[in-house]
C-alpha atoms as a PDB file:
ATOM      1  CA  MET A   1      59.601 220.117  41.766  1.00  0.00           C
ATOM      2  CA  LEU A   2      59.458 216.683  43.819  1.00  0.00           C
ATOM      3  CA  PHE A   3      55.758 217.565  45.877  1.00  0.00           C
ATOM      4  CA  ASP A   4      53.442 220.004  45.269  1.00  0.00           C
ATOM      5  CA  GLY A   5      50.374 219.376  47.402  1.00  0.00           C
ATOM      6  CA  PHE A   6      48.091 216.525  48.918  1.00  0.00           C
ATOM      7  CA  TYR A   7      45.015 217.533  46.634  1.00  0.00           C
ATOM      8  CA  ASP A   8      47.287 216.196  43.330  1.00  0.00           C
ATOM      9  CA  LEU A   9      48.021 213.531  44.673  1.00  0.00           C
ATOM     10  CA  ALA A  10      44.958 212.753  45.720  1.00  0.00           C
ATOM     11  CA  ARG A  11      44.023 213.764  41.931  1.00  0.00           C
ATOM     12  CA  VAL A  12      45.594 211.218  40.585  1.00  0.00           C
ATOM     13  CA  ALA A  13      44.850 208.395  43.041  1.00  0.00           C
ATOM     14  CA  GLY A  14      40.920 208.698  42.084  1.00  0.00           C
ATOM     15  CA  ILE A  15      41.051 209.800  38.733  1.00  0.00           C
ATOM     16  CA  SER A  16      43.870 207.036  38.109  1.00  0.00           C
ATOM     17  CA  LEU A  17      41.141 203.900  39.737  1.00  0.00           C
ATOM     18  CA  LEU A  18      37.862 206.048  38.226  1.00  0.00           C
ATOM     19  CA  ALA A  19      39.896 206.155  34.055  1.00  0.00           C
ATOM     20  CA  TYR A  20      41.082 202.282  34.332  1.00  0.00           C
ATOM     21  CA  VAL A  21      38.093 200.675  34.984  1.00  0.00           C
ATOM     22  CA  SER A  22      36.660 203.652  32.796  1.00  0.00           C
ATOM     23  CA  LEU A  23      38.503 202.011  30.052  1.00  0.00           C
ATOM     24  CA  ILE A  24      38.308 198.553  30.980  1.00  0.00           C
ATOM     25  CA  ILE A  25      34.377 198.475  30.731  1.00  0.00           C
ATOM     26  CA  VAL A  26      35.490 200.261  27.638  1.00  0.00           C
ATOM     27  CA  LEU A  27      37.654 197.624  25.759  1.00  0.00           C
ATOM     28  CA  ARG A  28      34.840 195.271  27.150  1.00  0.00           C
ATOM     29  CA  LEU A  29      32.134 196.814  25.042  1.00  0.00           C
ATOM     30  CA  ALA A  30      34.758 196.846  22.201  1.00  0.00           C
ATOM     31  CA  GLY A  31      35.367 193.571  21.858  1.00  0.00           C
ATOM     32  CA  LYS A  32      38.511 191.320  21.260  1.00  0.00           C
ATOM     33  CA  ARG A  33      39.358 193.347  18.390  1.00  0.00           C
ATOM     34  CA  SER A  34      39.673 196.708  20.051  1.00  0.00           C
ATOM     35  CA  LEU A  35      43.823 195.364  21.635  1.00  0.00           C
ATOM     36  CA  ALA A  36      44.420 193.907  18.361  1.00  0.00           C
ATOM     37  CA  LYS A  37      47.615 194.316  17.017  1.00  0.00           C
ATOM     38  CA  LEU A  38      46.365 193.535  13.376  1.00  0.00           C
ATOM     39  CA  ASN A  39      47.634 196.554  11.240  1.00  0.00           C
ATOM     40  CA  ALA A  40      48.419 199.805  11.725  1.00  0.00           C
ATOM     41  CA  PHE A  41      44.978 201.543  12.024  1.00  0.00           C
ATOM     42  CA  ASP A  42      44.776 198.512  14.945  1.00  0.00           C
ATOM     43  CA  LEU A  43      48.427 199.787  16.698  1.00  0.00           C
ATOM     44  CA  VAL A  44      47.079 203.294  16.816  1.00  0.00           C
ATOM     45  CA  VAL A  45      44.220 202.815  17.778  1.00  0.00           C
ATOM     46  CA  THR A  46      45.945 201.133  20.665  1.00  0.00           C
ATOM     47  CA  VAL A  47      48.593 203.734  21.339  1.00  0.00           C
ATOM     48  CA  ALA A  48      45.908 206.639  21.210  1.00  0.00           C
ATOM     49  CA  LEU A  49      44.347 204.801  23.983  1.00  0.00           C
ATOM     50  CA  GLY A  50      47.670 204.451  26.292  1.00  0.00           C
ATOM     51  CA  SER A  51      48.998 208.262  25.209  1.00  0.00           C
ATOM     52  CA  THR A  52      44.974 209.622  26.787  1.00  0.00           C
ATOM     53  CA  PHE A  53      44.379 207.498  29.605  1.00  0.00           C
ATOM     54  CA  ALA A  54      47.823 209.126  30.925  1.00  0.00           C
ATOM     55  CA  THR A  55      46.453 212.624  29.926  1.00  0.00           C
ATOM     56  CA  VAL A  56      43.161 211.835  32.026  1.00  0.00           C
ATOM     57  CA  LEU A  57      45.607 210.547  34.826  1.00  0.00           C
ATOM     58  CA  LEU A  58      48.356 213.226  34.779  1.00  0.00           C
ATOM     59  CA  SER A  59      46.424 216.646  33.575  1.00  0.00           C
ATOM     60  CA  SER A  60      44.362 218.732  35.009  1.00  0.00           C
ATOM     61  CA  ASP A  61      43.294 220.439  32.549  1.00  0.00           C
ATOM     62  CA  VAL A  62      41.713 217.247  31.110  1.00  0.00           C
ATOM     63  CA  ALA A  63      38.517 216.716  32.997  1.00  0.00           C
ATOM     64  CA  PHE A  64      37.401 212.837  33.769  1.00  0.00           C
ATOM     65  CA  LEU A  65      34.716 212.532  31.391  1.00  0.00           C
ATOM     66  CA  GLU A  66      36.307 214.015  28.416  1.00  0.00           C
ATOM     67  CA  GLY A  67      39.060 211.583  28.697  1.00  0.00           C
ATOM     68  CA  LEU A  68      36.059 208.812  29.101  1.00  0.00           C
ATOM     69  CA  LEU A  69      34.338 210.281  25.930  1.00  0.00           C
ATOM     70  CA  ALA A  70      38.240 209.984  24.357  1.00  0.00           C
ATOM     71  CA  PHE A  71      38.225 206.352  25.475  1.00  0.00           C
ATOM     72  CA  ALA A  72      34.595 205.691  24.395  1.00  0.00           C
ATOM     73  CA  ALA A  73      35.148 208.157  20.903  1.00  0.00           C
ATOM     74  CA  LEU A  74      38.463 205.882  19.868  1.00  0.00           C
ATOM     75  CA  ALA A  75      36.754 202.782  20.107  1.00  0.00           C
ATOM     76  CA  LEU A  76      33.999 203.622  18.307  1.00  0.00           C
ATOM     77  CA  LEU A  77      36.699 204.638  15.536  1.00  0.00           C
ATOM     78  CA  GLN A  78      38.455 201.161  15.297  1.00  0.00           C
ATOM     79  CA  TRP A  79      35.173 199.444  16.070  1.00  0.00           C
ATOM     80  CA  GLY A  80      33.931 201.551  12.458  1.00  0.00           C
ATOM     81  CA  VAL A  81      36.669 200.824  10.692  1.00  0.00           C
ATOM     82  CA  SER A  82      36.711 197.258  11.210  1.00  0.00           C
ATOM     83  CA  ARG A  83      33.131 197.164  10.692  1.00  0.00           C
ATOM     84  CA  LEU A  84      33.886 198.780   6.961  1.00  0.00           C
ATOM     85  CA  SER A  85      36.137 196.853   6.290  1.00  0.00           C
ATOM     86  CA  VAL A  86      34.513 193.642   6.169  1.00  0.00           C
ATOM     87  CA  ALA A  87      31.522 195.208   4.769  1.00  0.00           C
ATOM     88  CA  TRP A  88      33.715 196.682   1.266  1.00  0.00           C
ATOM     89  CA  PRO A  89      36.973 195.115  -0.223  1.00  0.00           C
ATOM     90  CA  ALA A  90      38.168 198.267  -1.298  1.00  0.00           C
ATOM     91  CA  PHE A  91      37.564 200.321   2.474  1.00  0.00           C
ATOM     92  CA  ARG A  92      40.201 197.373   3.770  1.00  0.00           C
ATOM     93  CA  ASN A  93      42.220 198.382   0.837  1.00  0.00           C
ATOM     94  CA  LEU A  94      42.625 201.347   2.152  1.00  0.00           C
ATOM     95  CA  VAL A  95      43.257 201.053   5.384  1.00  0.00           C
ATOM     96  CA  ARG A  96      45.377 197.162   5.983  1.00  0.00           C
ATOM     97  CA  SER A  97      48.464 196.277   4.158  1.00  0.00           C
ATOM     98  CA  GLN A  98      48.594 192.613   2.733  1.00  0.00           C
ATOM     99  CA  PRO A  99      50.708 189.825   3.806  1.00  0.00           C
ATOM    100  CA  ARG A 100      53.884 190.233   1.052  1.00  0.00           C
ATOM    101  CA  LEU A 101      55.782 187.082   0.405  1.00  0.00           C
ATOM    102  CA  LEU A 102      59.770 188.192   1.228  1.00  0.00           C
ATOM    103  CA  LEU A 103      61.148 184.041   0.746  1.00  0.00           C
ATOM    104  CA  GLU A 104      59.929 181.178  -1.402  1.00  0.00           C
ATOM    105  CA  ASP A 105      61.925 177.829  -1.658  1.00  0.00           C
ATOM    106  CA  GLY A 106      64.443 178.928   0.254  1.00  0.00           C
ATOM    107  CA  GLU A 107      65.152 181.830  -2.359  1.00  0.00           C
ATOM    108  CA  PHE A 108      65.165 184.751  -0.775  1.00  0.00           C
ATOM    109  CA  LEU A 109      62.257 187.458  -3.111  1.00  0.00           C
ATOM    110  CA  MET A 110      65.307 190.680  -2.826  1.00  0.00           C
ATOM    111  CA  GLU A 111      63.140 192.918  -4.488  1.00  0.00           C
ATOM    112  CA  ALA A 112      60.590 192.254  -2.392  1.00  0.00           C
ATOM    113  CA  ALA A 113      62.398 192.353   1.122  1.00  0.00           C
ATOM    114  CA  ASN A 114      63.839 195.337  -0.423  1.00  0.00           C
ATOM    115  CA  ASP A 115      60.430 197.116  -1.095  1.00  0.00           C
ATOM    116  CA  GLU A 116      59.495 196.225   2.694  1.00  0.00           C
ATOM    117  CA  ARG A 117      62.911 197.401   4.342  1.00  0.00           C
ATOM    118  CA  ILE A 118      63.572 193.849   5.011  1.00  0.00           C
ATOM    119  CA  THR A 119      67.006 192.495   5.927  1.00  0.00           C
ATOM    120  CA  GLN A 120      68.036 189.447   4.488  1.00  0.00           C
ATOM    121  CA  ASP A 121      69.850 188.544   8.224  1.00  0.00           C
ATOM    122  CA  GLU A 122      66.067 189.842   9.857  1.00  0.00           C
ATOM    123  CA  LEU A 123      64.721 187.071   7.513  1.00  0.00           C
ATOM    124  CA  LEU A 124      67.744 184.697   8.775  1.00  0.00           C
ATOM    125  CA  ALA A 125      66.006 185.279  12.042  1.00  0.00           C
ATOM    126  CA  ALA A 126      62.876 184.415  11.688  1.00  0.00           C
ATOM    127  CA  VAL A 127      63.840 181.352  10.401  1.00  0.00           C
ATOM    128  CA  ARG A 128      66.216 180.189  13.090  1.00  0.00           C
ATOM    129  CA  SER A 129      63.711 181.821  15.318  1.00  0.00           C
ATOM    130  CA  ALA A 130      61.050 179.045  14.104  1.00  0.00           C
ATOM    131  CA  GLY A 131      63.279 176.143  14.689  1.00  0.00           C
ATOM    132  CA  VAL A 132      64.387 175.068  11.368  1.00  0.00           C
ATOM    133  CA  GLY A 133      68.429 175.080  10.425  1.00  0.00           C
ATOM    134  CA  ARG A 134      68.511 175.058   6.627  1.00  0.00           C
ATOM    135  CA  LEU A 135      66.575 177.563   4.292  1.00  0.00           C
ATOM    136  CA  GLU A 136      65.781 174.275   2.097  1.00  0.00           C
ATOM    137  CA  ASP A 137      63.392 173.120   4.572  1.00  0.00           C
ATOM    138  CA  VAL A 138      61.420 176.600   4.235  1.00  0.00           C
ATOM    139  CA  ALA A 139      58.552 176.476   2.050  1.00  0.00           C
ATOM    140  CA  ALA A 140      57.634 180.613   3.133  1.00  0.00           C
ATOM    141  CA  VAL A 141      58.508 183.106   4.152  1.00  0.00           C
ATOM    142  CA  VAL A 142      55.112 185.929   4.552  1.00  0.00           C
ATOM    143  CA  LEU A 143      55.942 189.097   6.219  1.00  0.00           C
ATOM    144  CA  GLU A 144      52.117 189.550   7.953  1.00  0.00           C
ATOM    145  CA  THR A 145      49.850 192.946   8.090  1.00  0.00           C
ATOM    146  CA  ASP A 146      51.079 193.377  11.832  1.00  0.00           C
ATOM    147  CA  GLY A 147      54.369 193.075  10.982  1.00  0.00           C
ATOM    148  CA  SER A 148      55.526 190.245  12.030  1.00  0.00           C
ATOM    149  CA  LEU A 149      57.303 186.947  10.455  1.00  0.00           C
ATOM    150  CA  SER A 150      55.898 183.681   9.371  1.00  0.00           C
ATOM    151  CA  VAL A 151      58.233 180.786   8.961  1.00  0.00           C
ATOM    152  CA  ILE A 152      56.189 177.779   7.153  1.00  0.00           C
ATOM    153  CA  LYS A 153      58.315 175.070   6.983  1.00  0.00           C
ATOM    154  CA  ARG A 154      58.339 173.136   3.983  1.00  0.00           C
ATOM    155  CA  ALA A 155      56.105 169.933   3.627  1.00  0.00           C
ATOM    156  CA  ASP A 156      54.617 167.272   1.238  1.00  0.00           C
ATOM    157  CA  GLN A 157      51.340 168.270   1.093  1.00  0.00           C
ATOM    158  CA  PRO A 158      50.685 172.003  -1.420  1.00  0.00           C
ATOM    159  CA  LEU A 159      51.012 175.253   0.471  1.00  0.00           C
ATOM    160  CA  THR A 160      47.145 176.179   0.400  1.00  0.00           C
ATOM    161  CA  VAL A 161      47.585 179.492   2.917  1.00  0.00           C
ATOM    162  CA  LEU A 162      49.421 182.088   0.303  1.00  0.00           C
ATOM    163  CA  GLY A 163      46.341 182.540  -1.749  1.00  0.00           C
ATOM    164  CA  SER A 164      45.887 186.111  -0.027  1.00  0.00           C
ATOM    165  CA  VAL A 165      49.385 186.907   0.021  1.00  0.00           C
ATOM    166  CA  ARG A 166      51.173 189.251  -2.189  1.00  0.00           C
ATOM    167  CA  ARG A 167      54.181 187.860  -4.088  1.00  0.00           C
END
């Protein structure tokens, strides 16, 4: 169907404006963390917000205030999980992954890479992206909690940033 009528178009236009402004307000109140990709839970909240936004815009079965409540509930849940994660290490370990060392001193840690389902080619691509041309010049590659790969170049000083990284 190409066109249902002007009422539906006006409804989508009006709800779009209201939902957009409401979502911006909710996100500003929730804080910077609400759109972070710091861990799987943060990503799920971000995707859920987008899905809720689309549903509010396009489904006439969902009232605007129901969508606004869903925005607020998702932001509140994300805020609560992040607060509990800070307060209780056991809860933090439940909802967040730990960074993982995949390459150390130019040597691949294949068991760790296999556990994390990261190929040697992906590790090499991360090293190249960091502008490093030789594996011997890499002190470490870490799979971070958000799924990104951090490449740490070899330095004259001992590494002090790997304390929380699982080996």
